[in-house]
Amino acid sequence: MQLGTRWTAGGEPPASVPEVMRVQIAAVEAVIPFDQLGQPAPRWTLTWLEGKPIAELDTGVIVSLTEDGDAVVHHDTDGFA
């Protein structure tokens, strides 16, 4: 696994994040209550596994690519992390 980078939800994802994943990341962020109890926005961590990007939000939400190149969203309690 190759370590990528981190960025704050609501910010611009790194240029290395494929567009198809950016769409799903934006969809996840659209439902996050950023101002909940004055807490700071969660952060995304971008890593690479077998050459494929994986973006994981501090909340446990994961955006990754299927073998066909489609972006999927799941939660680490689904057994994927």
N, C-alpha and C. Protein backbone atom coordinates (compact mmCIF):
# COMPACT_ATOMS: atom_id res chain seq x y z
N MET A 1 0.85 -1.17 0.00
CA MET A 1 0.00 0.00 0.00
C MET A 1 0.90 1.24 0.00
N GLN A 2 0.52 2.22 -0.79
CA GLN A 2 1.26 3.47 -0.89
C GLN A 2 0.46 4.56 -0.20
N LEU A 3 1.09 5.29 0.72
CA LEU A 3 0.41 6.36 1.42
C LEU A 3 0.18 7.52 0.48
N GLY A 4 -0.99 8.09 0.54
CA GLY A 4 -1.33 9.22 -0.30
C GLY A 4 -1.26 10.51 0.48
N THR A 5 -2.43 11.06 0.77
CA THR A 5 -2.48 12.36 1.41
C THR A 5 -3.79 12.50 2.17
N ARG A 6 -3.94 13.62 2.89
CA ARG A 6 -5.18 13.90 3.61
C ARG A 6 -5.68 15.28 3.20
N TRP A 7 -7.01 15.45 3.25
CA TRP A 7 -7.61 16.75 3.02
C TRP A 7 -8.92 16.83 3.79
N THR A 8 -9.33 18.03 4.09
CA THR A 8 -10.54 18.27 4.87
C THR A 8 -11.77 18.14 3.98
N ALA A 9 -12.80 17.46 4.50
CA ALA A 9 -14.06 17.33 3.77
C ALA A 9 -14.57 18.71 3.41
N GLY A 10 -15.04 18.86 2.21
CA GLY A 10 -15.50 20.15 1.72
C GLY A 10 -14.43 20.88 0.93
N GLY A 11 -13.19 20.41 1.06
CA GLY A 11 -12.08 20.99 0.31
C GLY A 11 -11.88 20.27 -1.01
N GLU A 12 -10.92 20.73 -1.76
CA GLU A 12 -10.61 20.14 -3.07
C GLU A 12 -9.81 18.86 -2.90
N PRO A 13 -10.30 17.71 -3.44
CA PRO A 13 -9.52 16.48 -3.37
C PRO A 13 -8.21 16.63 -4.17
N PRO A 14 -7.20 15.85 -3.85
CA PRO A 14 -5.95 15.90 -4.61
C PRO A 14 -6.20 15.59 -6.09
N ALA A 15 -5.34 16.12 -6.93
CA ALA A 15 -5.47 15.94 -8.38
C ALA A 15 -5.44 14.46 -8.77
N SER A 16 -4.82 13.62 -7.97
CA SER A 16 -4.71 12.19 -8.30
C SER A 16 -6.01 11.41 -8.08
N VAL A 17 -7.03 12.04 -7.47
CA VAL A 17 -8.31 11.37 -7.25
C VAL A 17 -9.09 11.39 -8.58
N PRO A 18 -9.45 10.20 -9.10
CA PRO A 18 -10.18 10.15 -10.37
C PRO A 18 -11.53 10.88 -10.28
N GLU A 19 -11.96 11.43 -11.39
CA GLU A 19 -13.22 12.18 -11.44
C GLU A 19 -14.40 11.35 -10.95
N VAL A 20 -14.45 10.08 -11.30
CA VAL A 20 -15.57 9.24 -10.89
C VAL A 20 -15.63 9.13 -9.36
N MET A 21 -14.49 9.17 -8.70
CA MET A 21 -14.48 9.15 -7.23
C MET A 21 -14.85 10.51 -6.67
N ARG A 22 -14.43 11.58 -7.35
CA ARG A 22 -14.76 12.93 -6.90
C ARG A 22 -16.28 13.12 -6.82
N VAL A 23 -17.01 12.55 -7.77
CA VAL A 23 -18.47 12.66 -7.77
C VAL A 23 -19.04 12.01 -6.52
N GLN A 24 -18.55 10.83 -6.16
CA GLN A 24 -19.05 10.12 -4.98
C GLN A 24 -18.61 10.80 -3.69
N ILE A 25 -17.39 11.33 -3.67
CA ILE A 25 -16.92 12.07 -2.50
C ILE A 25 -17.82 13.28 -2.26
N ALA A 26 -18.15 14.00 -3.34
CA ALA A 26 -19.03 15.17 -3.21
C ALA A 26 -20.41 14.75 -2.72
N ALA A 27 -20.91 13.60 -3.16
CA ALA A 27 -22.21 13.11 -2.71
C ALA A 27 -22.19 12.80 -1.22
N VAL A 28 -21.10 12.20 -0.74
CA VAL A 28 -20.96 11.91 0.69
C VAL A 28 -20.93 13.22 1.47
N GLU A 29 -20.13 14.16 1.00
CA GLU A 29 -20.00 15.43 1.70
C GLU A 29 -21.30 16.22 1.74
N ALA A 30 -22.15 16.01 0.75
CA ALA A 30 -23.43 16.73 0.69
C ALA A 30 -24.36 16.37 1.84
N VAL A 31 -24.13 15.22 2.46
CA VAL A 31 -25.01 14.80 3.56
C VAL A 31 -24.34 14.87 4.93
N ILE A 32 -23.12 15.39 4.98
CA ILE A 32 -22.40 15.52 6.25
C ILE A 32 -22.79 16.84 6.91
N PRO A 33 -23.23 16.80 8.16
CA PRO A 33 -23.52 18.05 8.87
C PRO A 33 -22.23 18.67 9.41
N PHE A 34 -21.53 19.46 8.57
CA PHE A 34 -20.23 20.01 8.93
C PHE A 34 -20.25 20.82 10.22
N ASP A 35 -21.37 21.46 10.53
CA ASP A 35 -21.41 22.35 11.69
C ASP A 35 -21.97 21.68 12.94
N GLN A 36 -22.06 20.38 12.94
CA GLN A 36 -22.66 19.65 14.06
C GLN A 36 -21.85 19.86 15.34
N LEU A 37 -22.48 20.48 16.32
CA LEU A 37 -21.89 20.70 17.65
C LEU A 37 -20.54 21.41 17.61
N GLY A 38 -20.32 22.20 16.59
CA GLY A 38 -19.08 22.95 16.51
C GLY A 38 -17.85 22.10 16.25
N GLN A 39 -18.03 20.85 15.87
CA GLN A 39 -16.90 19.97 15.60
C GLN A 39 -16.23 20.36 14.28
N PRO A 40 -14.93 20.17 14.16
CA PRO A 40 -14.27 20.43 12.88
C PRO A 40 -14.73 19.42 11.83
N ALA A 41 -14.64 19.83 10.57
CA ALA A 41 -15.02 18.93 9.48
C ALA A 41 -14.10 17.70 9.50
N PRO A 42 -14.65 16.52 9.19
CA PRO A 42 -13.80 15.32 9.13
C PRO A 42 -12.81 15.43 7.98
N ARG A 43 -11.81 14.60 8.01
CA ARG A 43 -10.78 14.62 6.96
C ARG A 43 -10.79 13.30 6.20
N TRP A 44 -10.46 13.40 4.93
CA TRP A 44 -10.30 12.24 4.06
C TRP A 44 -8.84 11.81 4.08
N THR A 45 -8.62 10.50 3.96
CA THR A 45 -7.28 9.96 3.78
C THR A 45 -7.27 9.20 2.46
N LEU A 46 -6.37 9.58 1.58
CA LEU A 46 -6.22 8.91 0.29
C LEU A 46 -5.04 7.96 0.37
N THR A 47 -5.28 6.69 0.10
CA THR A 47 -4.21 5.69 0.03
C THR A 47 -4.38 4.94 -1.29
N TRP A 48 -3.41 4.13 -1.59
CA TRP A 48 -3.43 3.34 -2.82
C TRP A 48 -3.18 1.89 -2.46
N LEU A 49 -4.02 1.01 -2.97
CA LEU A 49 -3.86 -0.43 -2.75
C LEU A 49 -3.87 -1.11 -4.11
N GLU A 50 -2.79 -1.80 -4.41
CA GLU A 50 -2.65 -2.46 -5.71
C GLU A 50 -2.90 -1.48 -6.85
N GLY A 51 -2.41 -0.25 -6.68
CA GLY A 51 -2.51 0.75 -7.72
C GLY A 51 -3.85 1.45 -7.83
N LYS A 52 -4.79 1.14 -6.95
CA LYS A 52 -6.11 1.76 -6.99
C LYS A 52 -6.29 2.69 -5.80
N PRO A 53 -6.90 3.87 -6.05
CA PRO A 53 -7.10 4.83 -4.96
C PRO A 53 -8.25 4.41 -4.05
N ILE A 54 -8.06 4.70 -2.77
CA ILE A 54 -9.11 4.48 -1.76
C ILE A 54 -9.15 5.74 -0.91
N ALA A 55 -10.32 6.35 -0.80
CA ALA A 55 -10.50 7.54 0.04
C ALA A 55 -11.36 7.15 1.23
N GLU A 56 -10.83 7.37 2.43
CA GLU A 56 -11.58 7.03 3.64
C GLU A 56 -11.75 8.28 4.49
N LEU A 57 -13.00 8.55 4.84
CA LEU A 57 -13.33 9.68 5.70
C LEU A 57 -13.14 9.26 7.15
N ASP A 58 -12.81 10.19 8.02
CA ASP A 58 -12.63 9.89 9.45
C ASP A 58 -13.84 9.19 10.05
N THR A 59 -15.00 9.37 9.47
CA THR A 59 -16.23 8.77 9.98
C THR A 59 -16.36 7.29 9.62
N GLY A 60 -15.46 6.78 8.77
CA GLY A 60 -15.51 5.39 8.36
C GLY A 60 -16.10 5.17 6.98
N VAL A 61 -16.56 6.23 6.33
CA VAL A 61 -17.07 6.12 4.96
C VAL A 61 -15.89 5.94 4.02
N ILE A 62 -16.02 5.00 3.09
CA ILE A 62 -14.95 4.69 2.15
C ILE A 62 -15.47 4.82 0.73
N VAL A 63 -14.69 5.48 -0.12
CA VAL A 63 -14.99 5.56 -1.55
C VAL A 63 -13.84 4.86 -2.26
N SER A 64 -14.16 3.87 -3.07
CA SER A 64 -13.13 3.12 -3.78
C SER A 64 -13.63 2.79 -5.19
N LEU A 65 -12.78 2.15 -5.96
CA LEU A 65 -13.12 1.77 -7.32
C LEU A 65 -13.33 0.27 -7.43
N THR A 66 -14.31 -0.11 -8.24
CA THR A 66 -14.52 -1.52 -8.55
C THR A 66 -13.53 -1.93 -9.64
N GLU A 67 -13.50 -3.19 -9.96
CA GLU A 67 -12.64 -3.68 -11.04
C GLU A 67 -12.99 -3.03 -12.37
N ASP A 68 -14.26 -2.63 -12.53
CA ASP A 68 -14.72 -1.99 -13.77
C ASP A 68 -14.45 -0.49 -13.79
N GLY A 69 -13.90 0.06 -12.70
CA GLY A 69 -13.59 1.47 -12.65
C GLY A 69 -14.72 2.34 -12.14
N ASP A 70 -15.78 1.73 -11.62
CA ASP A 70 -16.88 2.50 -11.03
C ASP A 70 -16.55 2.82 -9.58
N ALA A 71 -16.97 3.99 -9.14
CA ALA A 71 -16.75 4.37 -7.74
C ALA A 71 -17.91 3.85 -6.89
N VAL A 72 -17.57 3.29 -5.74
CA VAL A 72 -18.57 2.79 -4.81
C VAL A 72 -18.31 3.39 -3.43
N VAL A 73 -19.38 3.55 -2.68
CA VAL A 73 -19.31 4.09 -1.33
C VAL A 73 -19.77 3.00 -0.37
N HIS A 74 -19.00 2.78 0.68
CA HIS A 74 -19.40 1.83 1.72
C HIS A 74 -18.83 2.32 3.04
N HIS A 75 -19.15 1.63 4.09
CA HIS A 75 -18.70 1.98 5.43
C HIS A 75 -17.82 0.88 5.94
N ASP A 76 -16.83 1.20 6.75
CA ASP A 76 -15.89 0.17 7.20
C ASP A 76 -16.55 -0.94 8.01
N THR A 77 -17.76 -0.73 8.52
CA THR A 77 -18.45 -1.81 9.23
C THR A 77 -19.01 -2.84 8.27
N ASP A 78 -18.93 -2.58 6.95
CA ASP A 78 -19.38 -3.54 5.95
C ASP A 78 -18.35 -4.66 5.75
N GLY A 79 -17.21 -4.56 6.43
CA GLY A 79 -16.19 -5.59 6.30
C GLY A 79 -15.20 -5.30 5.18
N PHE A 80 -15.19 -4.09 4.66
CA PHE A 80 -14.29 -3.76 3.55
C PHE A 80 -12.98 -3.18 4.05
N ALA A 81 -12.95 -2.66 5.24
CA ALA A 81 -11.71 -2.01 5.71
C ALA A 81 -10.93 -2.92 6.60
